[in-house]
Amino acid sequence: MTAPAGPRRSSPAEKGVLEQTAPSPWRVWVSTQRRIVSFHPEEGFRLLEFQSRELFLACLDRYTGERYRYM
């Protein structure tokens, strides 16, 4: 017979995974109607989050090429 399972504690490796699910530091808010990219929350703008700096910069480059304004 096995002992009843108690509360499960996460291992240090699992804690690292949990920390990765925190909000990304690479975020922008976009209004495609007004063609504006914001680096802080704006009402009516859509939030875009990126998991890597490279994807974040590629997105900004794309919006720059499409002549979006930044605020």
N, C-alpha and C. Protein backbone atom coordinates (compact mmCIF):
# COMPACT_ATOMS: atom_id res chain seq x y z
N MET A 1 0.85 -1.17 0.00
CA MET A 1 0.00 0.00 0.00
C MET A 1 0.90 1.24 0.00
N THR A 2 0.50 2.26 -0.71
CA THR A 2 1.27 3.49 -0.78
C THR A 2 0.67 4.54 0.14
N ALA A 3 1.49 5.46 0.55
CA ALA A 3 1.03 6.54 1.43
C ALA A 3 0.16 7.51 0.64
N PRO A 4 -0.85 8.10 1.28
CA PRO A 4 -1.68 9.06 0.56
C PRO A 4 -0.85 10.27 0.13
N ALA A 5 -1.19 10.74 -1.00
CA ALA A 5 -0.47 11.89 -1.55
C ALA A 5 -0.84 13.15 -0.80
N GLY A 6 0.16 13.88 -0.35
CA GLY A 6 -0.05 15.15 0.33
C GLY A 6 0.04 16.28 -0.68
N PRO A 7 0.07 17.51 -0.20
CA PRO A 7 0.22 18.64 -1.12
C PRO A 7 1.53 18.51 -1.89
N ARG A 8 1.46 18.70 -3.17
CA ARG A 8 2.63 18.56 -4.03
C ARG A 8 3.43 19.86 -4.02
N ARG A 9 4.72 19.73 -3.82
CA ARG A 9 5.60 20.90 -3.87
C ARG A 9 6.32 20.92 -5.19
N SER A 10 6.45 22.11 -5.76
CA SER A 10 7.11 22.21 -7.05
C SER A 10 8.62 22.20 -6.87
N SER A 11 9.28 21.60 -7.82
CA SER A 11 10.74 21.54 -7.81
C SER A 11 11.30 22.86 -8.32
N PRO A 12 12.59 23.12 -8.10
CA PRO A 12 13.19 24.34 -8.63
C PRO A 12 13.03 24.46 -10.15
N ALA A 13 13.11 23.33 -10.86
CA ALA A 13 12.93 23.37 -12.31
C ALA A 13 11.52 23.79 -12.68
N GLU A 14 10.52 23.30 -11.95
CA GLU A 14 9.14 23.68 -12.20
C GLU A 14 8.90 25.15 -11.87
N LYS A 15 9.56 25.64 -10.83
CA LYS A 15 9.42 27.05 -10.48
C LYS A 15 9.93 27.92 -11.63
N GLY A 16 10.99 27.49 -12.30
CA GLY A 16 11.50 28.23 -13.46
C GLY A 16 10.46 28.29 -14.56
N VAL A 17 9.73 27.20 -14.77
CA VAL A 17 8.68 27.18 -15.78
C VAL A 17 7.57 28.14 -15.38
N LEU A 18 7.21 28.14 -14.10
CA LEU A 18 6.15 29.04 -13.64
C LEU A 18 6.57 30.49 -13.81
N GLU A 19 7.82 30.80 -13.56
CA GLU A 19 8.30 32.16 -13.73
C GLU A 19 8.25 32.59 -15.18
N GLN A 20 8.40 31.66 -16.10
CA GLN A 20 8.35 31.99 -17.52
C GLN A 20 6.95 32.36 -17.98
N THR A 21 5.93 31.99 -17.22
CA THR A 21 4.57 32.31 -17.63
C THR A 21 4.15 33.70 -17.18
N ALA A 22 5.03 34.42 -16.50
CA ALA A 22 4.74 35.79 -16.08
C ALA A 22 4.62 36.67 -17.32
N PRO A 23 3.95 37.81 -17.21
CA PRO A 23 3.82 38.69 -18.37
C PRO A 23 5.18 39.04 -18.98
N SER A 24 5.21 39.04 -20.26
CA SER A 24 6.44 39.33 -20.99
C SER A 24 6.81 40.80 -20.88
N PRO A 25 8.10 41.10 -20.78
CA PRO A 25 8.50 42.52 -20.77
C PRO A 25 8.42 43.14 -22.16
N TRP A 26 8.22 42.32 -23.16
CA TRP A 26 8.17 42.79 -24.55
C TRP A 26 6.71 42.92 -24.96
N ARG A 27 6.13 44.11 -24.72
CA ARG A 27 4.71 44.35 -25.00
C ARG A 27 4.51 45.66 -25.73
N VAL A 28 3.52 45.68 -26.59
CA VAL A 28 3.06 46.92 -27.22
C VAL A 28 1.55 46.85 -27.34
N TRP A 29 0.93 48.00 -27.41
CA TRP A 29 -0.50 48.11 -27.64
C TRP A 29 -0.67 48.76 -29.00
N VAL A 30 -1.54 48.19 -29.84
CA VAL A 30 -1.65 48.63 -31.24
C VAL A 30 -3.09 49.01 -31.59
N SER A 31 -3.22 50.12 -32.30
CA SER A 31 -4.50 50.51 -32.89
C SER A 31 -4.31 50.50 -34.40
N THR A 32 -4.90 49.49 -35.05
CA THR A 32 -4.76 49.42 -36.50
C THR A 32 -5.62 50.48 -37.19
N GLN A 33 -6.70 50.92 -36.56
CA GLN A 33 -7.54 51.96 -37.13
C GLN A 33 -6.82 53.30 -37.17
N ARG A 34 -6.13 53.63 -36.06
CA ARG A 34 -5.43 54.91 -35.98
C ARG A 34 -3.97 54.80 -36.42
N ARG A 35 -3.51 53.55 -36.66
CA ARG A 35 -2.13 53.27 -37.07
C ARG A 35 -1.13 53.82 -36.06
N ILE A 36 -1.34 53.43 -34.80
CA ILE A 36 -0.49 53.87 -33.70
C ILE A 36 -0.03 52.66 -32.90
N VAL A 37 1.24 52.67 -32.50
CA VAL A 37 1.80 51.68 -31.60
C VAL A 37 2.16 52.42 -30.32
N SER A 38 1.71 51.88 -29.19
CA SER A 38 1.98 52.49 -27.89
C SER A 38 2.78 51.53 -27.03
N PHE A 39 3.64 52.09 -26.20
CA PHE A 39 4.44 51.28 -25.28
C PHE A 39 3.84 51.25 -23.88
N HIS A 40 2.62 51.76 -23.76
CA HIS A 40 1.89 51.69 -22.49
C HIS A 40 0.42 51.46 -22.82
N PRO A 41 -0.36 50.93 -21.87
CA PRO A 41 -1.77 50.60 -22.15
C PRO A 41 -2.56 51.81 -22.63
N GLU A 42 -3.37 51.58 -23.65
CA GLU A 42 -4.26 52.60 -24.20
C GLU A 42 -5.63 51.97 -24.41
N GLU A 43 -6.66 52.70 -24.08
CA GLU A 43 -8.02 52.21 -24.26
C GLU A 43 -8.30 52.01 -25.76
N GLY A 44 -8.86 50.85 -26.07
CA GLY A 44 -9.20 50.54 -27.46
C GLY A 44 -8.05 49.97 -28.28
N PHE A 45 -6.86 49.88 -27.70
CA PHE A 45 -5.72 49.30 -28.40
C PHE A 45 -5.62 47.82 -28.05
N ARG A 46 -5.08 47.05 -28.96
CA ARG A 46 -4.90 45.61 -28.75
C ARG A 46 -3.50 45.33 -28.21
N LEU A 47 -3.43 44.54 -27.15
CA LEU A 47 -2.15 44.18 -26.54
C LEU A 47 -1.48 43.07 -27.34
N LEU A 48 -0.20 43.27 -27.65
CA LEU A 48 0.63 42.23 -28.26
C LEU A 48 1.79 41.96 -27.31
N GLU A 49 2.01 40.69 -26.98
CA GLU A 49 3.12 40.30 -26.13
C GLU A 49 4.03 39.35 -26.88
N PHE A 50 5.33 39.48 -26.64
CA PHE A 50 6.32 38.69 -27.35
C PHE A 50 7.19 37.95 -26.34
N GLN A 51 7.60 36.74 -26.70
CA GLN A 51 8.42 35.92 -25.82
C GLN A 51 9.90 36.13 -26.05
N SER A 52 10.25 36.88 -27.09
CA SER A 52 11.67 37.14 -27.33
C SER A 52 11.86 38.56 -27.84
N ARG A 53 13.02 39.08 -27.56
CA ARG A 53 13.38 40.43 -28.01
C ARG A 53 13.40 40.49 -29.53
N GLU A 54 13.87 39.42 -30.17
CA GLU A 54 13.97 39.39 -31.63
C GLU A 54 12.60 39.53 -32.28
N LEU A 55 11.60 38.81 -31.78
CA LEU A 55 10.25 38.92 -32.34
C LEU A 55 9.66 40.30 -32.09
N PHE A 56 9.92 40.85 -30.91
CA PHE A 56 9.45 42.18 -30.56
C PHE A 56 10.01 43.21 -31.55
N LEU A 57 11.31 43.18 -31.78
CA LEU A 57 11.93 44.14 -32.69
C LEU A 57 11.48 43.93 -34.14
N ALA A 58 11.27 42.68 -34.54
CA ALA A 58 10.78 42.41 -35.90
C ALA A 58 9.38 43.00 -36.09
N CYS A 59 8.55 42.90 -35.05
CA CYS A 59 7.20 43.47 -35.13
C CYS A 59 7.27 44.99 -35.25
N LEU A 60 8.11 45.62 -34.43
CA LEU A 60 8.25 47.08 -34.50
C LEU A 60 8.77 47.51 -35.86
N ASP A 61 9.68 46.74 -36.41
CA ASP A 61 10.21 47.05 -37.74
C ASP A 61 9.10 46.97 -38.79
N ARG A 62 8.24 45.99 -38.67
CA ARG A 62 7.11 45.86 -39.59
C ARG A 62 6.17 47.06 -39.50
N TYR A 63 5.82 47.45 -38.27
CA TYR A 63 4.93 48.60 -38.11
C TYR A 63 5.60 49.89 -38.61
N THR A 64 6.89 50.00 -38.41
CA THR A 64 7.61 51.17 -38.93
C THR A 64 7.52 51.20 -40.46
N GLY A 65 7.70 50.06 -41.08
CA GLY A 65 7.61 49.95 -42.54
C GLY A 65 6.22 50.30 -43.05
N GLU A 66 5.21 50.06 -42.23
CA GLU A 66 3.83 50.40 -42.61
C GLU A 66 3.45 51.81 -42.16
N ARG A 67 4.43 52.58 -41.71
CA ARG A 67 4.28 53.97 -41.32
C ARG A 67 3.35 54.20 -40.13
N TYR A 68 3.39 53.29 -39.20
CA TYR A 68 2.65 53.50 -37.94
C TYR A 68 3.40 54.55 -37.12
N ARG A 69 2.67 55.30 -36.32
CA ARG A 69 3.27 56.25 -35.40
C ARG A 69 3.47 55.57 -34.05
N TYR A 70 4.41 56.07 -33.28
CA TYR A 70 4.70 55.52 -31.96
C TYR A 70 4.41 56.56 -30.89
N MET A 71 3.90 56.09 -29.74
CA MET A 71 3.67 56.97 -28.61
C MET A 71 3.97 56.26 -27.32
